[in-house]
Amino acid sequence: MAIGSAKPTKMFELKELTSLELSNRLKEAEDNLEALRFQLDAGQLPNTARVRAVRRDIARMRTVAREHELGLRTSKGKVK
């Protein structure tokens, strides 16, 4: 994923992921956020709004992951 050009993740896309896929994407997003913050601190980030968008993506992913934990949402391929 390119650091400055990716579009925000839509909730309907996240709801279709399995728990494993979701945790992998969450890890990638957290790593991406760390890289963006380093660029921001160094003054090398042209699109500062990207930090906010990634933080919101992480929040969406954590929301869906919590729904999986609580049993409010089942993983793709599972029967409720």
Protein backbone atom coordinates (compact mmCIF):
# COMPACT_ATOMS: atom_id res chain seq x y z
CA MET A 1 0.00 0.00 0.00
CA ALA A 2 1.38 3.39 -0.95
CA ILE A 3 1.75 5.66 2.01
CA GLY A 4 0.16 8.79 0.60
CA SER A 5 -2.26 7.65 -2.06
CA ALA A 6 -4.54 4.92 -0.70
CA LYS A 7 -8.23 5.66 -0.27
CA PRO A 8 -9.93 5.11 3.09
CA THR A 9 -11.29 1.63 3.67
CA LYS A 10 -15.05 1.32 3.49
CA MET A 11 -16.92 -0.40 6.32
CA PHE A 12 -18.68 -2.85 3.98
CA GLU A 13 -15.25 -4.05 2.78
CA LEU A 14 -14.12 -4.72 6.34
CA LYS A 15 -17.30 -6.55 7.26
CA GLU A 16 -16.60 -9.14 4.56
CA LEU A 17 -13.11 -10.03 5.88
CA THR A 18 -12.27 -13.01 8.05
CA SER A 19 -10.75 -12.38 11.47
CA LEU A 20 -7.30 -13.34 10.18
CA GLU A 21 -7.51 -11.04 7.17
CA LEU A 22 -8.76 -8.26 9.40
CA SER A 23 -5.90 -8.65 11.88
CA ASN A 24 -3.38 -8.64 9.02
CA ARG A 25 -4.85 -5.45 7.57
CA LEU A 26 -4.91 -3.87 11.03
CA LYS A 27 -1.20 -4.64 11.50
CA GLU A 28 -0.41 -3.14 8.09
CA ALA A 29 -2.41 -0.01 8.87
CA GLU A 30 -0.68 0.45 12.22
CA ASP A 31 2.72 0.09 10.53
CA ASN A 32 1.59 2.56 7.87
CA LEU A 33 0.51 5.04 10.54
CA GLU A 34 3.89 4.79 12.22
CA ALA A 35 5.64 5.52 8.91
CA LEU A 36 3.31 8.45 8.25
CA ARG A 37 4.02 9.92 11.68
CA PHE A 38 7.77 9.72 11.08
CA GLN A 39 7.31 11.49 7.75
CA LEU A 40 5.10 14.09 9.39
CA ASP A 41 7.69 14.79 12.07
CA ALA A 42 10.43 15.06 9.46
CA GLY A 43 8.34 17.49 7.40
CA GLN A 44 8.27 15.12 4.41
CA LEU A 45 4.55 14.35 4.34
CA PRO A 46 2.77 16.30 1.59
CA ASN A 47 -0.73 15.11 2.52
CA THR A 48 -1.12 15.55 6.27
CA ALA A 49 -4.79 14.54 6.14
CA ARG A 50 -3.63 10.99 5.37
CA VAL A 51 -2.66 10.52 9.05
CA ARG A 52 -6.25 11.20 10.08
CA ALA A 53 -7.63 8.87 7.41
CA VAL A 54 -5.38 6.00 8.51
CA ARG A 55 -6.34 6.54 12.16
CA ARG A 56 -9.99 6.30 11.19
CA ASP A 57 -9.34 3.14 9.15
CA ILE A 58 -7.69 1.61 12.21
CA ALA A 59 -10.71 2.53 14.32
CA ARG A 60 -13.05 0.91 11.77
CA MET A 61 -10.97 -2.27 11.78
CA ARG A 62 -10.91 -2.41 15.56
CA THR A 63 -14.69 -1.94 15.63
CA VAL A 64 -15.27 -4.88 13.29
CA ALA A 65 -12.72 -6.99 15.22
CA ARG A 66 -14.57 -6.24 18.46
CA GLU A 67 -17.87 -7.22 16.84
CA HIS A 68 -16.26 -10.56 15.95
CA GLU A 69 -15.13 -11.01 19.58
CA LEU A 70 -18.59 -10.25 20.94
CA GLY A 71 -20.27 -12.54 18.44
CA LEU A 72 -22.21 -9.70 16.85
CA ARG A 73 -20.62 -10.49 13.53
CA THR A 74 -19.39 -13.80 12.19
CA SER A 75 -16.33 -14.25 10.03
CA LYS A 76 -16.80 -14.82 6.32
CA GLY A 77 -17.52 -18.46 5.66
CA LYS A 78 -18.85 -19.21 9.14
CA VAL A 79 -22.44 -20.05 9.87
CA LYS A 80 -23.98 -18.05 12.67
